[in-house]
Amino acid sequence: MKKQYKIRTFLLVLALMTAFSCEEEFFDRPPEDSFNAAGFYQTTEEVEVATRGLYLRPWFDFISNTAWVIGEIASGNARTYDPRNADFVNFAVNSNHQNVARTWTSLYAVVAQSNAIINTLPGSVGAQVPQEVVDNAIGEARFMRAIAYFYLVRIYGSVPIIANNTEAIQQLELERNPIDDVYRFITLDLEFAIDNCFEKIRSTSNYIENAHVTSGSAKALLAKVYLYQEDYTMAYQLADEVISSGEFKLFGGDAEDGDPNGSYYGLFQTANDNNPESIFAIQWGTSGQFAEGNSLQSLFAQAGLTGFADGWGALGPSLDLQEAYEDNTQDVRFYATIQAPGAFYPDINGGYTTAADIDLHDTKAGVKKYVIGTPDDDGGGAQQSYPNNTYILRYGELLLIHAEAAIMGGGSTAQGTTSFNKVRRRAGLNDIINPTIDDIFEERRIELAFEFEFWYDVVRRGEAFAVDFLSNTERGIFTDTDPPQVDSRKFAATADDLLYPYPTTELQKNPGLSKEPVPYNFDN
């Protein structure tokens, strides 16, 4: 008899925004009394509303609880004493860890909600809705499914490809599919999004018009996907096409494709959500309701900064990261990312000076990025639910993708160097005439610190590099002596630490995860 799984849903449309729970499982299906999609997609507005939920609640648990733990703590950019996440510091994570399960269920929730639109919209839409509106909505959903799988394959390796959750629930077990097949599935989704999502030029004044992903967003993400597969020619070509399109701009800097009214520091202020550098960002709301807003400030900020009882200081910037900045006084990214002792931050609560003795997790510093202050000062919200967007991909990173692909032989090194130095000059640094792959690696680390990317950058450089880098990254603390000394702490990583284990709960429910990967049937 087939195993019966508990039946819940977070299908879609207006109800989609209130149905999400972090406990829901990736192969759930709708109950018999759920909303009937056939009665909803009758107008253009209803179709457009259906995709809005994909930018919000399905991502909450991943962004709030695990993206930063993997991206920053495991990589060595941050450290923590918090027992819930300390195992990521010393590579002691196993399949029973709650964040291994949270990552899985949250990302498969994005897949499930995307699938709901992909599979129900075509057969339910009203005759008066223009086909391009339908195609764009499906393209947005396939973009979301692609990026969810992009995280899944980088975190776990071989995973089950689920294109239809209603069909998946009928299976006794779900087979996992090879990594190459997952990447092919991602590529097909993004190619569809490129061909079917609307094209546009990002507004430099009415930022809300930039909230949804576009054909250019999909092309930029596909360039990144090709970079991870070491197809540098395609990565360069796609990045070059996006740059040449003029859709996005670097927020600040002196480049011809820059927005002179912006700055790196301003990227992370709520007033600048959806600025023209934003390629894809999670669109948190101002309601103050749990799971509808950004909870990162609650976790990152120190006590007394938010106006609420949060400000839990869950991590501090590692000594290794602080040392990695080329010039703390010149690189504007340092103070936009890190709260330094005695430093003044004009955007927080009308002006805020960090305490001289700030010392989160014995790092003698705190985290600034995504810390925005009280709701009255910065756009509304409430404890654990602030309105500032979370970047997933932005133009500054695309320029570095362009540069890396060029340096690795995919295109013009002169053009790649130009892209690389646009990012550096925006940060206040001098050009590097002939950047190397190590220069790109370090620049990505600083440009994207606390945007949850560094773990993946380390791992994709190959097993030998990753094991050596992670094992020799300083994860120690500053002592309380005067002057402070470094109490060095390093932990040996192995090749097995470069992918995370499948959650125990999923292994128990789905025996297919324990078997060899099976090729995905792309003819379905």
Protein backbone atom coordinates (compact mmCIF):
# COMPACT_ATOMS: atom_id res chain seq x y z
CA MET A 1 0.00 0.00 0.00
CA LYS A 2 1.34 3.38 -0.94
CA LYS A 3 2.58 5.59 1.86
CA GLN A 4 0.08 8.32 2.62
CA TYR A 5 1.47 11.77 3.32
CA LYS A 6 -0.38 14.39 5.25
CA ILE A 7 -2.34 16.64 2.98
CA ARG A 8 -1.89 20.39 3.22
CA THR A 9 -1.43 23.16 0.72
CA PHE A 10 -0.15 26.55 0.11
CA LEU A 11 -1.48 26.56 -3.47
CA LEU A 12 -1.77 30.14 -4.60
CA VAL A 13 -3.66 33.31 -5.47
CA LEU A 14 -4.73 35.59 -2.66
CA ALA A 15 -4.89 32.73 -0.19
CA LEU A 16 -1.29 31.91 -1.07
CA MET A 17 -0.03 34.83 0.96
CA THR A 18 -1.60 33.56 4.18
CA ALA A 19 -1.33 29.81 3.77
CA PHE A 20 2.41 29.28 4.18
CA SER A 21 3.77 27.45 7.19
CA CYS A 22 7.39 26.47 7.73
CA GLU A 23 6.17 23.01 8.64
CA GLU A 24 4.73 22.19 5.21
CA GLU A 25 6.41 19.54 3.14
CA PHE A 26 7.58 19.74 -0.44
CA PHE A 27 5.30 17.04 -1.84
CA ASP A 28 2.07 18.15 -0.19
CA ARG A 29 -1.03 18.53 -2.34
CA PRO A 30 -4.21 20.60 -1.91
CA PRO A 31 -7.15 19.26 0.08
CA GLU A 32 -10.40 18.58 -1.66
CA ASP A 33 -11.97 21.72 -0.23
CA SER A 34 -9.15 24.04 -1.28
CA PHE A 35 -9.57 27.07 -3.53
CA ASN A 36 -10.67 26.17 -7.07
CA ALA A 37 -8.16 27.81 -9.42
CA ALA A 38 -10.61 27.45 -12.31
CA GLY A 39 -12.74 30.18 -10.76
CA PHE A 40 -10.00 32.68 -10.16
CA TYR A 41 -7.70 33.55 -13.09
CA GLN A 42 -10.40 35.44 -14.93
CA THR A 43 -8.76 38.86 -15.27
CA THR A 44 -5.30 40.24 -15.91
CA GLU A 45 -5.18 41.59 -12.36
CA GLU A 46 -5.99 38.17 -10.88
CA VAL A 47 -3.21 36.56 -12.90
CA GLU A 48 -0.74 39.22 -11.80
CA VAL A 49 -1.77 38.84 -8.16
CA ALA A 50 -1.14 35.10 -8.36
CA THR A 51 2.61 35.59 -8.79
CA ARG A 52 3.07 38.16 -6.02
CA GLY A 53 3.11 35.58 -3.25
CA LEU A 54 6.17 33.94 -4.84
CA TYR A 55 8.24 36.96 -3.81
CA LEU A 56 7.39 36.73 -0.13
CA ARG A 57 6.23 34.02 2.25
CA PRO A 58 7.66 30.87 0.64
CA TRP A 59 11.14 32.30 1.16
CA PHE A 60 10.68 33.31 4.79
CA ASP A 61 12.07 30.29 6.59
CA PHE A 62 15.07 29.92 4.29
CA ILE A 63 16.08 33.58 4.43
CA SER A 64 15.32 33.97 8.12
CA ASN A 65 16.85 30.82 9.50
CA THR A 66 19.28 29.13 7.15
CA ALA A 67 20.55 31.20 4.20
CA TRP A 68 22.85 33.28 6.39
CA VAL A 69 23.94 30.32 8.50
CA ILE A 70 25.20 28.43 5.44
CA GLY A 71 26.36 31.45 3.46
CA GLU A 72 28.18 33.30 6.23
CA ILE A 73 28.82 31.13 9.30
CA ALA A 74 29.83 27.92 7.51
CA SER A 75 32.00 29.86 5.06
CA GLY A 76 33.94 31.63 7.78
CA ASN A 77 32.56 35.12 7.19
CA ALA A 78 30.82 35.05 10.57
CA ARG A 79 30.97 33.25 13.87
CA THR A 80 28.48 32.47 16.63
CA TYR A 81 28.18 30.90 20.05
CA ASP A 82 24.47 30.24 19.48
CA PRO A 83 24.05 26.49 20.09
CA ARG A 84 21.43 26.30 17.35
CA ASN A 85 24.02 27.23 14.73
CA ALA A 86 27.42 26.60 16.29
CA ASP A 87 27.73 23.27 14.47
CA PHE A 88 28.13 25.23 11.24
CA VAL A 89 31.28 26.83 12.64
CA ASN A 90 33.15 23.56 13.14
CA PHE A 91 31.58 21.35 10.44
CA ALA A 92 29.62 19.20 12.89
CA VAL A 93 26.28 19.42 11.08
CA ASN A 94 24.44 16.13 10.57
CA SER A 95 21.12 15.08 9.06
CA ASN A 96 19.29 15.69 12.34
CA HIS A 97 20.09 19.39 12.44
CA GLN A 98 16.94 21.49 12.31
CA ASN A 99 18.39 23.90 9.75
CA VAL A 100 19.16 21.06 7.35
CA ALA A 101 15.46 20.23 7.43
CA ARG A 102 14.36 23.87 7.35
CA THR A 103 16.39 24.54 4.24
CA TRP A 104 14.88 21.53 2.49
CA THR A 105 11.24 22.26 3.35
CA SER A 106 11.47 25.99 2.67
CA LEU A 107 13.05 25.63 -0.76
CA TYR A 108 10.67 22.86 -1.75
CA ALA A 109 7.82 25.12 -0.62
CA VAL A 110 9.01 27.62 -3.24
CA VAL A 111 9.03 24.78 -5.78
CA ALA A 112 5.52 23.70 -4.78
CA GLN A 113 4.03 27.18 -5.01
CA SER A 114 5.74 27.78 -8.34
CA ASN A 115 4.43 24.45 -9.62
CA ALA A 116 0.91 25.41 -8.58
CA ILE A 117 0.98 28.39 -10.95
CA ILE A 118 2.86 26.59 -13.73
CA ASN A 119 0.42 23.66 -13.75
CA THR A 120 -2.94 25.28 -13.00
CA LEU A 121 -2.80 28.64 -14.75
CA PRO A 122 -2.84 27.52 -18.42
CA GLY A 123 -6.03 25.49 -18.05
CA SER A 124 -7.85 27.93 -15.79
CA VAL A 125 -7.24 31.39 -17.20
CA GLY A 126 -10.11 33.49 -18.50
CA ALA A 127 -10.42 33.93 -22.25
CA GLN A 128 -10.05 37.72 -22.00
CA VAL A 129 -6.62 37.58 -20.37
CA PRO A 130 -3.91 38.34 -22.96
CA GLN A 131 -1.61 35.43 -23.70
CA GLU A 132 1.48 37.54 -22.95
CA VAL A 133 0.19 38.11 -19.42
CA VAL A 134 -0.25 34.37 -18.92
CA ASP A 135 3.18 33.64 -20.37
CA ASN A 136 4.82 36.25 -18.16
CA ALA A 137 3.19 34.81 -15.03
CA ILE A 138 4.36 31.31 -15.87
CA GLY A 139 7.81 32.73 -16.65
CA GLU A 140 7.98 34.34 -13.21
CA ALA A 141 6.98 31.06 -11.58
CA ARG A 142 9.59 29.13 -13.56
CA PHE A 143 12.22 31.70 -12.55
CA MET A 144 11.32 31.10 -8.90
CA ARG A 145 11.41 27.35 -9.32
CA ALA A 146 14.79 27.63 -11.03
CA ILE A 147 16.38 29.66 -8.26
CA ALA A 148 14.97 27.34 -5.59
CA TYR A 149 16.56 24.38 -7.37
CA PHE A 150 19.77 26.37 -7.81
CA TYR A 151 20.01 26.58 -4.02
CA LEU A 152 18.97 22.95 -3.55
CA VAL A 153 21.57 21.53 -5.92
CA ARG A 154 24.36 23.64 -4.42
CA ILE A 155 23.43 22.70 -0.87
CA TYR A 156 22.50 19.00 -1.22
CA GLY A 157 23.76 17.89 -4.65
CA SER A 158 21.41 15.30 -6.20
CA VAL A 159 17.80 16.08 -5.32
CA PRO A 160 14.35 15.03 -6.58
CA ILE A 161 13.09 17.14 -9.47
CA ILE A 162 9.40 17.79 -8.92
CA ALA A 163 7.57 19.46 -11.78
CA ASN A 164 4.06 18.64 -10.54
CA ASN A 165 3.33 18.19 -6.84
CA THR A 166 -0.06 16.59 -7.39
CA GLU A 167 1.56 13.84 -9.43
CA ALA A 168 4.46 13.49 -7.00
CA ILE A 169 2.18 12.73 -4.08
CA GLN A 170 0.96 9.62 -5.88
CA GLN A 171 4.41 8.07 -5.93
CA LEU A 172 5.54 5.56 -3.35
CA GLU A 173 8.93 7.23 -3.27
CA LEU A 174 10.57 10.15 -4.98
CA GLU A 175 13.82 9.41 -6.74
CA ARG A 176 16.64 11.88 -6.59
CA ASN A 177 18.05 13.02 -9.89
CA PRO A 178 21.66 13.60 -10.96
CA ILE A 179 23.24 17.01 -10.46
CA ASP A 180 23.62 17.51 -14.22
CA ASP A 181 19.90 16.87 -14.71
CA VAL A 182 19.01 19.39 -12.00
CA TYR A 183 21.13 21.99 -13.78
CA ARG A 184 19.47 21.14 -17.09
CA PHE A 185 16.05 21.54 -15.45
CA ILE A 186 17.11 24.94 -14.07
CA THR A 187 18.38 25.98 -17.49
CA LEU A 188 15.14 25.03 -19.22
CA ASP A 189 13.12 27.01 -16.70
CA LEU A 190 15.29 30.08 -17.15
CA GLU A 191 15.26 29.82 -20.93
CA PHE A 192 11.46 29.81 -20.77
CA ALA A 193 11.54 32.86 -18.49
CA ILE A 194 13.92 34.66 -20.84
CA ASP A 195 11.57 34.04 -23.77
CA ASN A 196 8.31 34.81 -21.97
CA CYS A 197 8.83 37.33 -19.17
CA PHE A 198 8.37 40.99 -19.99
CA GLU A 199 11.35 43.06 -21.04
CA LYS A 200 11.93 46.48 -19.50
CA ILE A 201 14.41 49.13 -18.48
CA ARG A 202 14.58 49.56 -14.70
CA SER A 203 13.08 52.81 -13.45
CA THR A 204 15.48 55.16 -11.68
CA SER A 205 12.66 57.03 -9.95
CA ASN A 206 9.58 54.87 -9.36
CA TYR A 207 11.34 51.87 -7.82
CA ILE A 208 8.20 49.84 -7.16
CA GLU A 209 7.97 49.29 -10.92
CA ASN A 210 11.16 47.21 -10.61
CA ALA A 211 9.78 44.70 -8.12
CA HIS A 212 9.02 41.78 -10.44
CA VAL A 213 11.58 39.75 -12.35
CA THR A 214 11.91 40.18 -16.10
CA SER A 215 13.44 38.50 -19.09
CA GLY A 216 16.68 40.28 -18.19
CA SER A 217 16.52 38.94 -14.63
CA ALA A 218 16.28 35.39 -15.98
CA LYS A 219 19.17 35.96 -18.38
CA ALA A 220 21.32 37.32 -15.53
CA LEU A 221 20.53 34.33 -13.33
CA LEU A 222 21.26 31.93 -16.18
CA ALA A 223 24.67 33.58 -16.61
CA LYS A 224 25.35 32.74 -12.97
CA VAL A 225 24.12 29.17 -13.43
CA TYR A 226 26.50 28.71 -16.37
CA LEU A 227 29.35 30.13 -14.27
CA TYR A 228 28.77 27.38 -11.71
CA GLN A 229 28.91 24.79 -14.48
CA GLU A 230 32.18 26.32 -15.71
CA ASP A 231 30.66 27.15 -19.08
CA TYR A 232 32.46 30.47 -19.15
CA THR A 233 31.59 31.27 -22.76
CA MET A 234 27.84 31.15 -22.10
CA ALA A 235 28.22 32.91 -18.74
CA TYR A 236 30.13 35.74 -20.41
CA GLN A 237 27.76 35.96 -23.37
CA LEU A 238 24.62 36.19 -21.27
CA ALA A 239 26.14 38.62 -18.76
CA ASP A 240 27.37 40.75 -21.66
CA GLU A 241 23.90 40.79 -23.20
CA VAL A 242 22.33 41.94 -19.95
CA ILE A 243 24.95 44.65 -19.49
CA SER A 244 24.48 45.83 -23.08
CA SER A 245 20.69 45.91 -22.69
CA GLY A 246 20.84 48.81 -20.25
CA GLU A 247 18.08 47.31 -18.10
CA PHE A 248 20.02 47.51 -14.84
CA LYS A 249 22.37 50.12 -13.36
CA LEU A 250 25.04 50.08 -10.70
CA PHE A 251 23.63 52.05 -7.78
CA GLY A 252 26.33 54.69 -7.44
CA GLY A 253 29.83 54.89 -8.84
CA ASP A 254 31.19 56.64 -11.91
CA ALA A 255 30.40 54.04 -14.57
CA GLU A 256 28.33 54.91 -17.63
CA ASP A 257 25.85 52.23 -16.55
CA GLY A 258 25.68 53.61 -13.04
CA ASP A 259 23.03 55.59 -11.18
CA PRO A 260 24.90 58.65 -9.83
CA ASN A 261 22.23 59.24 -7.19
CA GLY A 262 23.00 55.95 -5.45
CA SER A 263 25.75 54.40 -3.36
CA TYR A 264 26.76 51.00 -2.05
CA TYR A 265 25.70 52.12 1.43
CA GLY A 266 22.30 53.17 0.09
CA LEU A 267 21.64 49.76 -1.45
CA PHE A 268 20.52 48.45 1.92
CA GLN A 269 18.21 51.26 2.98
CA THR A 270 14.48 50.57 2.75
CA ALA A 271 13.84 53.73 0.74
CA ASN A 272 15.99 52.24 -2.01
CA ASP A 273 14.26 48.87 -2.27
CA ASN A 274 13.96 47.86 -5.93
CA ASN A 275 16.53 50.39 -7.07
CA PRO A 276 17.82 49.79 -10.63
CA GLU A 277 20.64 47.53 -9.40
CA SER A 278 18.15 44.98 -8.08
CA ILE A 279 17.82 41.98 -10.42
CA PHE A 280 15.82 39.83 -7.99
CA ALA A 281 15.00 40.59 -4.38
CA ILE A 282 12.54 39.17 -1.84
CA GLN A 283 9.70 41.69 -1.56
CA TRP A 284 8.96 41.95 2.13
CA GLY A 285 5.84 43.86 3.24
CA THR A 286 5.09 46.59 5.77
CA SER A 287 2.21 44.86 7.57
CA GLY A 288 4.31 43.77 10.54
CA GLN A 289 2.78 40.31 10.31
CA PHE A 290 5.07 37.35 10.95
CA ALA A 291 6.49 35.83 7.73
CA GLU A 292 5.40 38.84 5.68
CA GLY A 293 8.42 40.94 6.61
CA ASN A 294 12.18 40.66 6.81
CA SER A 295 13.36 39.12 10.08
CA LEU A 296 17.10 39.57 9.47
CA GLN A 297 17.37 42.75 11.51
CA SER A 298 15.91 40.93 14.52
CA LEU A 299 18.72 38.40 14.23
CA PHE A 300 21.65 40.60 13.20
CA ALA A 301 21.14 43.81 15.21
CA GLN A 302 22.40 44.38 18.70
CA ALA A 303 19.92 45.00 21.52
CA GLY A 304 18.27 48.41 21.75
CA LEU A 305 18.52 49.29 18.08
CA THR A 306 15.15 48.24 16.67
CA GLY A 307 12.65 49.70 19.14
CA PHE A 308 11.47 46.22 20.11
CA ALA A 309 12.66 43.33 22.26
CA ASP A 310 14.56 41.83 19.35
CA GLY A 311 18.10 42.69 18.32
CA TRP A 312 19.49 39.31 19.26
CA GLY A 313 22.97 39.63 17.79
CA ALA A 314 22.91 36.05 16.52
CA LEU A 315 26.31 36.33 14.84
CA GLY A 316 29.32 38.57 14.50
CA PRO A 317 31.62 39.28 11.55
CA SER A 318 34.55 36.89 11.77
CA LEU A 319 38.07 38.10 12.38
CA ASP A 320 38.94 36.57 9.03
CA LEU A 321 36.37 38.68 7.19
CA GLN A 322 37.37 41.86 8.98
CA GLU A 323 40.97 41.26 7.99
CA ALA A 324 39.97 40.56 4.35
CA TYR A 325 39.03 44.19 3.62
CA GLU A 326 41.70 45.81 1.52
CA ASP A 327 41.36 49.22 3.19
CA ASN A 328 38.79 49.69 5.94
CA THR A 329 39.00 53.49 5.76
CA GLN A 330 38.68 53.71 1.98
CA ASP A 331 36.34 50.81 1.11
CA VAL A 332 32.82 52.11 1.73
CA ARG A 333 31.59 48.54 1.91
CA PHE A 334 33.19 48.01 5.30
CA TYR A 335 30.87 50.33 7.22
CA ALA A 336 27.88 49.34 5.08
CA THR A 337 28.46 45.73 6.16
CA ILE A 338 30.03 45.86 9.62
CA GLN A 339 29.24 47.85 12.74
CA ALA A 340 32.61 48.97 14.05
CA PRO A 341 33.25 50.25 17.58
CA GLY A 342 32.45 53.97 17.91
CA ALA A 343 31.42 54.31 14.25
CA PHE A 344 28.57 56.66 13.31
CA TYR A 345 25.71 55.40 11.10
CA PRO A 346 23.56 58.32 9.85
CA ASP A 347 20.77 56.13 8.47
CA ILE A 348 19.97 54.31 11.73
CA ASN A 349 17.38 56.03 13.94
CA GLY A 350 18.30 59.52 12.77
CA GLY A 351 21.95 58.91 13.57
CA TYR A 352 23.45 56.15 15.66
CA THR A 353 26.92 55.72 17.15
CA THR A 354 27.99 52.18 17.86
CA ALA A 355 29.13 51.51 21.41
CA ALA A 356 32.90 51.45 21.83
CA ASP A 357 32.67 48.05 23.49
CA ILE A 358 30.53 46.29 20.89
CA ASP A 359 31.65 42.67 20.88
CA LEU A 360 29.19 40.27 19.29
CA HIS A 361 30.47 36.74 19.78
CA ASP A 362 33.92 38.06 20.73
CA THR A 363 34.53 39.70 17.35
CA LYS A 364 34.81 43.32 18.62
CA ALA A 365 32.21 44.28 15.99
CA GLY A 366 28.66 43.69 14.82
CA VAL A 367 26.73 43.33 11.55
CA LYS A 368 25.37 46.43 9.77
CA LYS A 369 24.00 45.04 6.50
CA TYR A 370 20.19 44.60 6.68
CA VAL A 371 20.11 46.47 10.00
CA ILE A 372 17.85 49.48 9.42
CA GLY A 373 16.58 50.75 12.80
CA THR A 374 13.09 51.38 14.14
CA PRO A 375 9.95 51.17 12.00
CA ASP A 376 9.22 54.86 12.56
CA ASP A 377 12.62 55.73 11.16
CA ASP A 378 12.73 53.34 8.24
CA GLY A 379 9.52 52.35 6.56
CA GLY A 380 7.29 50.52 9.02
CA GLY A 381 7.08 46.90 10.07
CA ALA A 382 7.42 45.30 13.48
CA GLN A 383 9.57 42.87 15.42
CA GLN A 384 10.78 40.08 13.12
CA SER A 385 8.89 41.69 10.24
CA TYR A 386 10.67 44.64 8.65
CA PRO A 387 10.04 45.97 5.12
CA ASN A 388 13.54 46.10 3.63
CA ASN A 389 14.14 43.78 0.69
CA THR A 390 16.64 40.92 0.71
CA TYR A 391 18.80 40.75 -2.40
CA ILE A 392 19.19 37.43 -4.17
CA LEU A 393 20.90 38.80 -7.30
CA ARG A 394 21.96 42.33 -8.18
CA TYR A 395 23.85 44.08 -10.95
CA GLY A 396 27.04 44.48 -8.94
CA GLU A 397 27.30 40.70 -8.80
CA LEU A 398 26.48 40.39 -12.50
CA LEU A 399 29.45 42.63 -13.29
CA LEU A 400 31.67 40.29 -11.30
CA ILE A 401 30.18 37.27 -13.11
CA HIS A 402 31.05 39.01 -16.39
CA ALA A 403 34.58 39.65 -15.15
CA GLU A 404 35.14 36.11 -13.88
CA ALA A 405 33.82 34.49 -17.04
CA ALA A 406 36.15 36.67 -19.10
CA ILE A 407 39.22 35.95 -16.98
CA MET A 408 38.47 32.22 -17.19
CA GLY A 409 38.56 32.37 -20.99
CA GLY A 410 34.91 33.00 -21.84
CA GLY A 411 35.25 36.42 -23.44
CA SER A 412 37.09 39.70 -23.67
CA THR A 413 39.42 40.14 -20.72
CA ALA A 414 39.46 43.89 -21.37
CA GLN A 415 35.68 44.11 -21.03
CA GLY A 416 35.72 41.80 -18.03
CA THR A 417 38.33 43.99 -16.35
CA THR A 418 36.19 47.04 -17.03
CA SER A 419 33.23 45.37 -15.28
CA PHE A 420 35.43 44.35 -12.36
CA ASN A 421 36.76 47.85 -11.83
CA LYS A 422 33.30 49.42 -11.97
CA VAL A 423 32.56 47.53 -8.77
CA ARG A 424 35.85 48.55 -7.16
CA ARG A 425 35.50 52.23 -8.00
CA ARG A 426 31.96 52.30 -6.61
CA ALA A 427 33.51 50.96 -3.39
CA GLY A 428 36.13 53.74 -3.37
CA LEU A 429 39.06 51.55 -4.41
CA ASN A 430 41.62 51.87 -7.18
CA ASP A 431 41.49 49.83 -10.38
CA ILE A 432 43.37 46.56 -10.72
CA ILE A 433 44.88 46.46 -14.20
CA ASN A 434 45.11 42.69 -14.66
CA PRO A 435 42.82 41.02 -12.12
CA THR A 436 43.28 37.33 -11.41
CA ILE A 437 40.74 34.71 -10.38
CA ASP A 438 41.91 35.22 -6.78
CA ASP A 439 41.17 38.94 -7.12
CA ILE A 440 37.66 38.10 -8.32
CA PHE A 441 37.18 35.69 -5.42
CA GLU A 442 38.22 38.29 -2.85
CA GLU A 443 36.17 41.01 -4.51
CA ARG A 444 33.06 38.82 -4.46
CA ARG A 445 33.67 38.07 -0.80
CA ILE A 446 33.68 41.74 0.15
CA GLU A 447 31.03 42.95 -2.30
CA LEU A 448 28.54 40.25 -1.25
CA ALA A 449 29.42 39.78 2.43
CA PHE A 450 26.28 39.03 4.45
CA GLU A 451 24.29 38.48 1.27
CA PHE A 452 24.71 34.72 1.83
CA GLU A 453 26.87 33.87 -1.20
CA PHE A 454 30.35 33.16 0.09
CA TRP A 455 29.88 29.48 0.99
CA TYR A 456 28.93 28.68 -2.61
CA ASP A 457 31.86 30.70 -3.96
CA VAL A 458 34.28 28.70 -1.82
CA VAL A 459 32.82 25.31 -2.74
CA ARG A 460 32.62 25.93 -6.49
CA ARG A 461 36.38 26.51 -6.70
CA GLY A 462 36.86 22.78 -6.31
CA GLU A 463 37.29 20.23 -3.56
CA ALA A 464 41.00 20.79 -2.89
CA PHE A 465 40.68 24.56 -2.74
CA ALA A 466 37.52 24.48 -0.64
CA VAL A 467 38.83 22.02 1.94
CA ASP A 468 42.07 23.95 2.30
CA PHE A 469 40.37 27.35 2.50
CA LEU A 470 37.72 26.29 5.00
CA SER A 471 40.25 24.46 7.17
CA ASN A 472 42.53 27.49 7.34
CA THR A 473 39.94 30.22 7.79
CA GLU A 474 40.30 31.97 11.12
CA ARG A 475 37.18 31.26 13.20
CA GLY A 476 38.66 32.47 16.47
CA ILE A 477 37.93 35.34 18.81
CA PHE A 478 39.47 38.46 20.27
CA THR A 479 40.49 38.14 23.90
CA ASP A 480 39.48 40.65 26.58
CA THR A 481 43.09 41.67 27.14
CA ASP A 482 44.39 45.17 26.49
CA PRO A 483 45.24 45.22 23.67
CA PRO A 484 43.05 42.35 22.44
CA GLN A 485 44.82 39.29 21.11
CA VAL A 486 43.59 36.69 18.65
CA ASP A 487 42.59 33.39 20.23
CA SER A 488 42.94 31.33 17.05
CA ARG A 489 40.39 28.62 16.26
CA LYS A 490 40.46 26.62 13.06
CA PHE A 491 38.56 23.47 12.21
CA ALA A 492 39.45 20.81 9.68
CA ALA A 493 36.98 20.45 6.84
CA THR A 494 36.66 17.39 4.59
CA ALA A 495 35.19 16.79 1.15
CA ASP A 496 32.06 15.41 2.83
CA ASP A 497 31.43 18.82 4.40
CA LEU A 498 30.98 20.52 1.03
CA LEU A 499 27.42 19.23 0.62
CA TYR A 500 24.84 19.01 3.38
CA PRO A 501 23.11 15.74 4.31
CA TYR A 502 19.49 15.04 3.50
CA PRO A 503 17.25 15.65 6.52
CA THR A 504 16.56 12.57 8.62
CA THR A 505 12.84 13.23 8.45
CA GLU A 506 12.92 13.16 4.65
CA LEU A 507 15.08 10.03 4.54
CA GLN A 508 12.55 8.26 6.74
CA LYS A 509 9.57 9.29 4.63
CA ASN A 510 11.18 8.90 1.24
CA PRO A 511 13.46 5.84 0.76
CA GLY A 512 14.34 7.09 -2.72
CA LEU A 513 16.77 9.61 -1.24
CA SER A 514 19.00 6.74 -0.10
CA LYS A 515 19.25 5.21 -3.56
CA GLU A 516 21.45 6.07 -6.50
CA PRO A 517 20.26 9.03 -8.59
CA VAL A 518 17.99 8.21 -11.52
CA PRO A 519 18.02 10.22 -14.77
CA TYR A 520 15.10 12.63 -15.00
CA ASN A 521 12.58 12.04 -17.77
CA PHE A 522 12.60 15.33 -19.65
CA ASP A 523 9.99 14.02 -22.10
CA ASN A 524 7.19 14.26 -19.51
